[in-house]
Protein backbone atom coordinates (compact mmCIF):
# COMPACT_ATOMS: atom_id res chain seq x y z
CA MET A 1 -3.56 14.86 -50.79
CA ARG A 2 -4.55 15.81 -47.25
CA PRO A 3 -6.79 18.88 -46.95
CA ASN A 4 -5.13 22.20 -46.16
CA ASP A 5 -7.78 24.61 -44.96
CA GLU A 6 -5.52 27.56 -45.69
CA SER A 7 -6.11 26.82 -49.37
CA GLY A 8 -9.49 28.46 -48.86
CA ASN A 9 -7.73 31.82 -48.71
CA LEU A 10 -6.20 31.40 -52.18
CA PRO A 11 -7.70 32.71 -55.42
CA LEU A 12 -9.80 30.17 -57.32
CA ASP A 13 -7.15 29.57 -60.00
CA GLN A 14 -4.42 28.92 -57.42
CA ARG A 15 -6.04 26.60 -54.92
CA PRO A 16 -6.26 22.81 -55.38
CA PHE A 17 -9.47 21.04 -56.29
CA ARG A 18 -11.18 19.81 -53.11
CA ILE A 19 -13.62 17.03 -52.24
CA LEU A 20 -15.52 16.23 -49.03
CA ILE A 21 -16.65 12.63 -48.45
CA ILE A 22 -19.22 11.87 -45.73
CA SER A 23 -19.79 8.46 -44.17
CA GLY A 24 -23.38 8.59 -42.97
CA SER A 25 -23.80 5.42 -40.92
CA GLU A 26 -24.31 5.67 -37.17
CA ARG A 27 -22.07 2.66 -36.50
CA ARG A 28 -18.61 2.96 -34.97
CA GLN A 29 -16.64 0.32 -33.10
CA TYR A 30 -16.32 2.80 -30.21
CA ASN A 31 -19.97 2.58 -29.24
CA CYS A 32 -22.45 -0.24 -28.59
CA PRO A 33 -22.46 -1.54 -32.19
CA GLY A 34 -18.86 -2.60 -31.50
CA VAL A 35 -18.09 -2.73 -35.23
CA ASP A 36 -17.29 -0.06 -37.81
CA SER A 37 -19.71 0.57 -40.65
CA LYS A 38 -19.54 -0.41 -44.29
CA SER A 39 -19.91 3.24 -45.24
CA ARG A 40 -16.67 4.02 -43.40
CA THR A 41 -14.86 1.35 -45.40
CA LEU A 42 -16.28 2.74 -48.64
CA MET A 43 -15.40 6.31 -47.64
CA LEU A 44 -11.76 5.35 -47.12
CA ARG A 45 -11.71 3.32 -50.33
CA MET A 46 -13.00 6.32 -52.28
CA ALA A 47 -10.48 8.68 -50.67
CA ASP A 48 -7.64 6.35 -51.68
CA HIS A 49 -8.97 6.07 -55.23
CA LEU A 50 -9.42 9.75 -56.16
CA PRO A 51 -6.70 11.77 -57.95
CA ALA A 52 -3.59 12.35 -55.82
CA ASN A 53 -3.42 16.06 -56.66
CA TRP A 54 -6.89 16.75 -55.21
CA GLU A 55 -7.41 17.76 -51.59
CA ILE A 56 -9.50 14.95 -50.11
CA ASP A 57 -11.36 15.73 -46.90
CA TYR A 58 -13.59 13.15 -45.25
CA GLU A 59 -15.66 12.67 -42.09
CA ASP A 60 -17.37 9.78 -40.34
CA LEU A 61 -20.65 10.76 -38.65
CA GLY A 62 -20.78 7.50 -36.65
CA ASN A 63 -21.66 7.68 -32.98
CA VAL A 64 -18.71 7.54 -30.59
CA TYR A 65 -19.41 7.00 -26.89
CA GLY A 66 -19.13 10.25 -24.97
CA ARG A 67 -18.74 12.39 -28.09
CA GLU A 68 -21.27 15.07 -28.93
CA GLN A 69 -23.79 14.41 -31.72
CA ILE A 70 -25.36 16.62 -34.34
CA ARG A 71 -28.11 18.51 -32.57
CA SER A 72 -31.48 18.74 -34.24
CA CYS A 73 -32.70 21.69 -36.25
CA ASN A 74 -34.94 24.06 -34.24
CA ALA A 75 -37.02 24.90 -37.34
CA CYS A 76 -36.34 28.65 -37.15
CA VAL A 77 -37.38 28.95 -40.81
CA SER A 78 -40.96 28.19 -39.83
CA THR A 79 -40.94 31.33 -37.69
CA SER A 80 -39.12 33.44 -40.29
CA MET A 81 -36.56 32.70 -42.97
CA ALA A 82 -34.57 35.63 -41.60
CA LEU A 83 -34.35 33.91 -38.20
CA CYS A 84 -32.43 31.04 -39.81
CA VAL A 85 -28.85 32.35 -39.79
CA TRP A 86 -26.08 31.23 -42.14
CA PRO A 87 -24.10 29.47 -40.82
CA CYS A 88 -26.43 28.17 -38.10
CA ASN A 89 -26.34 30.21 -34.89
CA CYS A 90 -28.79 28.06 -32.91
CA TYR A 91 -25.68 26.37 -31.55
CA GLN A 92 -22.01 27.29 -31.31
CA LYS A 93 -18.63 25.64 -31.22
CA SER A 94 -17.39 24.15 -27.92
CA SER A 95 -20.69 24.79 -26.15
CA LYS A 96 -21.05 23.13 -22.76
CA MET A 97 -24.82 23.54 -22.54
CA GLU A 98 -25.67 22.27 -26.03
CA PRO A 99 -22.60 20.52 -27.52
CA ASP A 100 -23.00 20.14 -31.27
CA LEU A 101 -20.96 17.90 -33.57
CA MET A 102 -21.85 19.98 -36.63
CA TRP A 103 -19.99 22.98 -35.22
CA ASN A 104 -17.26 21.07 -33.38
CA LEU A 105 -16.26 19.32 -36.62
CA ASP A 106 -16.41 22.62 -38.56
CA LEU A 107 -18.72 20.98 -41.06
CA TYR A 108 -20.16 24.25 -42.36
CA ALA A 109 -16.68 25.52 -43.26
CA ARG A 110 -15.62 22.17 -44.70
CA LEU A 111 -18.68 22.00 -46.93
CA ASP A 112 -17.95 25.55 -48.04
CA LEU A 113 -14.31 24.72 -48.81
CA ALA A 114 -15.14 21.76 -51.05
CA ASP A 115 -16.05 21.90 -54.73
CA ALA A 116 -18.03 18.66 -54.52
CA TRP A 117 -19.41 16.31 -51.90
CA ALA A 118 -19.82 12.54 -51.87
CA ILE A 119 -22.39 11.11 -49.46
CA ILE A 120 -22.20 7.40 -48.60
CA GLY A 121 -24.71 5.80 -46.28
CA PRO A 122 -27.12 2.96 -45.53
CA VAL A 123 -30.85 2.80 -46.02
CA ASN A 124 -32.47 2.48 -42.59
CA TRP A 125 -36.21 1.82 -42.54
CA TYR A 126 -36.78 3.11 -46.10
CA ALA A 127 -34.85 6.30 -45.30
CA PRO A 128 -31.38 7.77 -44.81
CA SER A 129 -29.67 7.31 -41.46
CA SER A 130 -30.76 9.61 -38.66
CA ASN A 131 -27.29 11.21 -38.52
CA LEU A 132 -27.44 12.14 -42.21
CA LYS A 133 -30.96 13.50 -41.76
CA LEU A 134 -29.78 15.58 -38.80
CA MET A 135 -26.93 17.01 -40.87
CA PHE A 136 -29.22 17.85 -43.77
CA ASP A 137 -31.82 19.44 -41.50
CA ARG A 138 -29.08 21.67 -40.12
CA LEU A 139 -28.16 22.68 -43.69
CA VAL A 140 -31.48 24.46 -44.20
CA CYS A 141 -29.56 27.69 -43.53
CA MET A 142 -27.58 27.27 -46.75
CA ASN A 143 -30.83 27.65 -48.68
CA GLY A 144 -31.56 31.35 -48.27
CA GLY A 145 -30.43 31.72 -44.66
CA ASN A 146 -29.70 35.10 -43.10
CA PRO A 147 -25.97 35.97 -43.25
CA ARG A 148 -26.40 39.06 -41.02
CA GLU A 149 -27.40 38.02 -37.51
CA ASP A 150 -26.63 41.57 -36.34
CA LEU A 151 -29.80 42.69 -38.13
CA ILE A 152 -31.95 40.48 -35.89
CA ALA A 153 -30.11 41.09 -32.59
CA HIS A 154 -28.69 37.55 -32.78
CA LYS A 155 -31.99 35.66 -32.51
CA ASP A 156 -34.93 38.03 -32.01
CA PRO A 157 -38.04 36.52 -33.67
CA GLU A 158 -39.88 39.83 -34.02
CA LYS A 159 -36.89 41.53 -35.65
CA ALA A 160 -36.48 38.57 -38.00
CA MET A 161 -40.12 38.72 -39.06
CA ALA A 162 -39.74 42.42 -39.81
CA LEU A 163 -36.51 41.86 -41.79
CA GLU A 164 -38.16 39.15 -43.87
CA HIS A 165 -40.66 41.77 -45.12
CA SER A 166 -38.03 44.41 -45.90
CA ALA A 167 -36.51 45.32 -49.27
CA GLU A 168 -33.08 44.48 -47.87
CA TRP A 169 -34.02 40.84 -47.39
CA ALA A 170 -34.05 40.05 -51.13
CA GLU A 171 -30.33 40.86 -51.31
CA LEU A 172 -29.43 38.87 -48.19
CA SER A 173 -31.32 35.65 -48.87
CA GLN A 174 -29.10 33.56 -51.13
CA ASN A 175 -28.25 29.92 -51.75
CA HIS A 176 -24.90 30.16 -50.00
CA LEU A 177 -23.35 26.95 -51.38
CA GLU A 178 -24.91 27.03 -54.83
CA GLY A 179 -23.00 25.61 -57.77
CA ARG A 180 -21.38 22.64 -56.08
CA THR A 181 -21.96 19.00 -56.98
CA ALA A 182 -23.19 16.23 -54.70
CA ALA A 183 -23.26 12.49 -55.30
CA PHE A 184 -25.01 9.76 -53.32
CA PHE A 185 -24.08 6.10 -52.91
CA CYS A 186 -26.66 4.44 -50.68
CA TYR A 187 -26.85 0.75 -49.94
CA GLY A 188 -29.04 -1.80 -48.19
CA ASP A 189 -29.46 -5.47 -47.46
CA GLY A 190 -33.04 -6.03 -48.60
CA GLY A 191 -34.08 -7.06 -45.11
CA GLY A 192 -31.28 -9.56 -44.56
CA ASP A 193 -32.70 -12.94 -43.57
CA GLU A 194 -35.87 -11.54 -41.98
CA LEU A 195 -38.24 -12.01 -44.92
CA ASP A 196 -40.36 -15.01 -45.89
CA PRO A 197 -40.68 -16.16 -49.53
CA GLU A 198 -43.50 -13.66 -50.12
CA GLY A 199 -41.39 -10.74 -48.91
CA ARG A 200 -43.06 -10.30 -45.53
CA PRO A 201 -41.19 -10.29 -42.20
CA SER A 202 -41.16 -13.94 -41.17
CA VAL A 203 -42.00 -13.21 -37.53
CA LEU A 204 -45.01 -11.06 -38.45
CA LYS A 205 -48.28 -12.42 -37.05
CA HIS A 206 -50.66 -9.93 -38.70
CA LYS A 207 -49.76 -10.73 -42.30
CA SER A 208 -52.40 -8.41 -43.72
CA TYR A 209 -50.72 -5.39 -42.14
CA PHE A 210 -47.74 -5.67 -44.49
CA ASP A 211 -48.28 -5.94 -48.23
CA PRO A 212 -44.87 -6.23 -49.93
CA ARG A 213 -46.45 -5.10 -53.21
CA ALA A 214 -47.20 -1.72 -51.59
CA GLU A 215 -43.72 -0.96 -50.28
CA PRO A 216 -42.86 2.67 -51.00
CA PHE A 217 -39.97 2.39 -53.47
CA GLU A 218 -39.46 0.44 -56.67
CA ASN A 219 -35.89 1.72 -56.68
CA MET A 220 -34.45 1.99 -53.19
CA ARG A 221 -32.20 4.88 -54.21
CA ASP A 222 -35.38 6.96 -53.87
CA SER A 223 -35.13 6.51 -50.10
CA TYR A 224 -32.51 9.26 -50.38
CA ALA A 225 -34.76 11.50 -52.46
CA PRO A 226 -35.38 13.98 -49.60
CA LEU A 227 -31.63 14.61 -49.38
CA ALA A 228 -31.03 14.81 -53.14
CA TRP A 229 -33.95 17.16 -53.69
CA GLN A 230 -33.00 19.35 -50.73
CA PHE A 231 -29.63 19.86 -52.39
CA ARG A 232 -31.21 20.56 -55.76
CA TYR A 233 -33.57 23.04 -54.09
CA GLY A 234 -30.51 24.93 -52.87
CA GLY A 235 -28.71 25.03 -56.21
CA ILE A 236 -26.51 21.98 -55.63
CA GLU A 237 -26.14 19.84 -58.74
CA VAL A 238 -27.04 16.18 -58.16
CA PRO A 239 -26.46 14.39 -61.49
CA ASP A 240 -28.85 11.50 -61.89
CA HIS A 241 -26.11 8.99 -62.70
CA LEU A 242 -24.25 9.91 -59.49
CA TRP A 243 -27.23 9.05 -57.29
CA THR A 244 -27.26 5.28 -56.98
CA TYR A 245 -28.23 2.35 -54.75
CA CYS A 246 -26.49 -0.99 -54.26
CA GLU A 247 -27.96 -3.99 -52.46
CA PHE A 248 -25.96 -6.75 -50.86
CA GLY A 249 -26.63 -9.17 -48.02
CA ARG A 250 -30.21 -10.17 -48.88
CA GLY A 251 -30.99 -13.50 -47.27
CA GLN A 252 -27.95 -13.31 -45.00
CA LYS A 253 -27.77 -12.82 -41.28
CA TYR A 254 -26.70 -9.30 -40.38
CA SER A 255 -23.64 -10.65 -38.58
CA ASP A 256 -22.54 -12.18 -41.90
CA ASN A 257 -22.81 -8.88 -43.76
CA GLN A 258 -20.03 -6.72 -42.29
CA ALA A 259 -17.39 -4.65 -44.05
CA GLU A 260 -15.00 -7.61 -44.18
CA HIS A 261 -17.67 -9.59 -46.06
CA MET A 262 -18.52 -6.70 -48.36
CA VAL A 263 -14.94 -6.34 -49.62
CA GLN A 264 -15.04 -9.97 -50.76
CA ASP A 265 -17.96 -9.21 -53.06
CA ASP A 266 -16.49 -8.20 -56.42
CA THR A 267 -19.88 -7.05 -57.70
CA VAL A 268 -20.30 -4.54 -54.88
CA LEU A 269 -16.77 -3.18 -55.20
CA ALA A 270 -17.11 -2.89 -58.98
CA ALA A 271 -20.34 -0.91 -58.60
CA PHE A 272 -18.77 1.38 -56.03
CA ASP A 273 -15.60 1.94 -58.03
CA GLN A 274 -17.66 2.69 -61.13
CA TRP A 275 -19.60 5.31 -59.16
CA THR A 276 -16.35 6.78 -57.82
CA ASP A 277 -14.85 6.98 -61.31
CA ALA A 278 -18.00 8.60 -62.69
CA PHE A 279 -17.94 11.13 -59.84
CA ALA A 280 -14.29 11.99 -60.47
CA ALA A 281 -14.84 12.34 -64.21
CA PHE A 282 -17.88 14.57 -63.83
CA ILE A 283 -16.51 16.99 -61.27
CA GLY A 284 -13.08 17.00 -62.87
CA GLU A 285 -14.62 18.23 -66.09
CA LYS A 286 -16.88 20.71 -64.28
CA GLY A 287 -13.99 22.23 -62.36
CA LYS A 288 -13.67 24.35 -59.25
CA VAL A 289 -16.59 26.35 -57.85
CA GLN A 290 -16.48 30.03 -56.96
CA PRO A 291 -17.41 30.49 -53.27
CA GLY A 292 -20.49 32.48 -52.36
CA GLN A 293 -20.63 36.05 -51.09
CA TYR A 294 -21.12 34.98 -47.46
CA ARG A 295 -18.71 32.22 -46.50
CA ALA A 296 -18.82 29.70 -43.67
CA PHE A 297 -15.06 29.26 -44.06
CA GLY A 298 -13.35 31.88 -41.96
CA TYR A 299 -16.60 32.87 -40.26
CA ARG A 300 -16.26 34.10 -36.68
CA PRO A 301 -19.55 34.41 -34.82
CA PRO A 302 -20.03 37.88 -33.29
CA GLY A 303 -20.30 38.27 -29.53
CA HIS A 304 -23.86 38.39 -28.28
CA LEU A 305 -23.86 38.63 -24.48
CA LEU A 306 -26.05 41.73 -24.54
CA ARG A 307 -28.36 40.17 -27.11
CA ASP A 308 -28.60 37.02 -24.99
CA ALA A 309 -29.58 39.12 -21.99
CA GLN A 310 -32.33 40.77 -24.02
CA LEU A 311 -33.58 37.38 -25.20
CA LEU A 312 -33.54 36.10 -21.61
CA TRP A 313 -35.81 39.00 -20.67
CA ARG A 314 -38.13 38.04 -23.53
CA ASP A 315 -38.04 34.45 -22.28
CA ALA A 316 -38.94 35.52 -18.74
CA ARG A 317 -41.91 37.50 -20.04
CA MET A 318 -43.06 34.49 -22.05
CA ARG A 319 -42.94 32.28 -18.96
CA ALA A 320 -44.97 34.86 -17.05
CA GLY A 321 -47.55 34.91 -19.82
CA VAL A 322 -46.65 38.41 -21.06
CA PRO A 323 -45.27 37.91 -24.58
CA PRO A 324 -44.20 40.94 -26.65
CA GLU A 325 -47.20 43.03 -27.69
CA GLY A 326 -48.41 42.22 -31.19
CA SER A 327 -46.09 39.22 -31.51
CA SER A 328 -47.14 35.82 -32.83
CA PRO A 329 -46.93 34.27 -29.31
CA ALA A 330 -49.18 37.07 -28.01
CA VAL A 331 -51.80 36.37 -30.69
CA GLN A 332 -51.60 32.62 -30.09
CA GLN A 333 -51.97 33.09 -26.34
CA GLU A 334 -54.95 35.40 -26.79
CA GLN A 335 -56.63 32.82 -29.00
CA GLY A 336 -55.82 29.97 -26.63
CA LEU A 337 -53.80 28.10 -29.23
CA ASN A 338 -50.68 27.10 -27.32
CA ARG A 339 -51.32 26.69 -23.56
CA ASP A 340 -47.61 27.26 -23.08
CA LYS A 341 -47.43 29.70 -20.18
CA THR A 342 -45.08 27.99 -17.72
CA TRP A 343 -42.14 28.70 -15.44
CA SER A 344 -40.82 25.20 -16.25
CA PRO A 345 -40.61 24.87 -20.06
CA GLY A 346 -38.37 21.82 -19.65
CA GLU A 347 -41.26 19.93 -18.07
CA SER A 348 -42.84 17.60 -20.60
CA GLU A 349 -46.51 17.54 -21.47
CA GLY A 350 -46.65 13.97 -20.15
CA GLU A 351 -45.32 15.14 -16.79
CA LYS A 352 -47.91 17.92 -16.66
CA LEU A 353 -50.71 15.48 -17.41
CA ARG A 354 -49.58 13.23 -14.58
CA ARG A 355 -49.09 15.86 -11.90
CA HIS A 356 -51.41 15.43 -8.92
CA ASP A 357 -51.55 19.13 -8.09
CA LYS A 358 -54.13 19.82 -10.79
């Protein structure tokens, strides 16, 4: 059935079972690829195949011309775990300055509402798609992120560092989506028709640069290992038999390996349907998951105009080369580690190197 977000307000024993399916390819027919992805076709096939009494939510992360994209993680955790707020407050919904697809699609709440997630996507250059990687990077906050931004004045690095060393922090830092299940179906084409009989790119001139025997994965499902292990790190169950890879299109031109060709391949569809059935059986037996203490569903970010003004003052001091006394930027500046005193932080290092006024 279609998802009803109001079900999130019901007690566990009264709400329907809920699944979120993600199509992780960048391709959409409404951007320069001009053609929809195979992962979109598989996402829709899975949604149609799952039990009718489950709430089935799904989303396509493909790039649409003029639509916002998932903005990159700012790596707040590397400053302090307490600076990484759950759900992410580096960006906000409907922002004009930094529009973010993660917030505008309510993905934090939709992940929170679901009992299990199914991730479908291609292998691009021995790795997940960039859109999937962006989404996962932005999920670092679910792994121990700070649910109380009021304790750090919205985004104050010095307050966050202090909170991280307090007794209170041990109670706040939780795996906020722990207990759920995630499954991965990744696929690839083995290089299409680009490889020679030895497994090297046929147009490669420096043959010694590429040794096919040294390619990084014996099983290409391991190209998604960073995503699977990130989930496991955060208490998300990733059963080994629900993490799989399927190859189709080897030796074919890319234009001959589209979704309409894929659905004519009974072997591919059988493998996908088997994975879908195994997913449904596993999570059906496991059952619904109790939400965490701090929920993304129903979350309303607090106002922070005053906090923003305070952070703007900090920013102005940083530009003037007067960082907060005793802060990490002050120590780095004193030791000459950053060379980042500037009134134009948007100016790139390449532009600085090429200025003629130096």
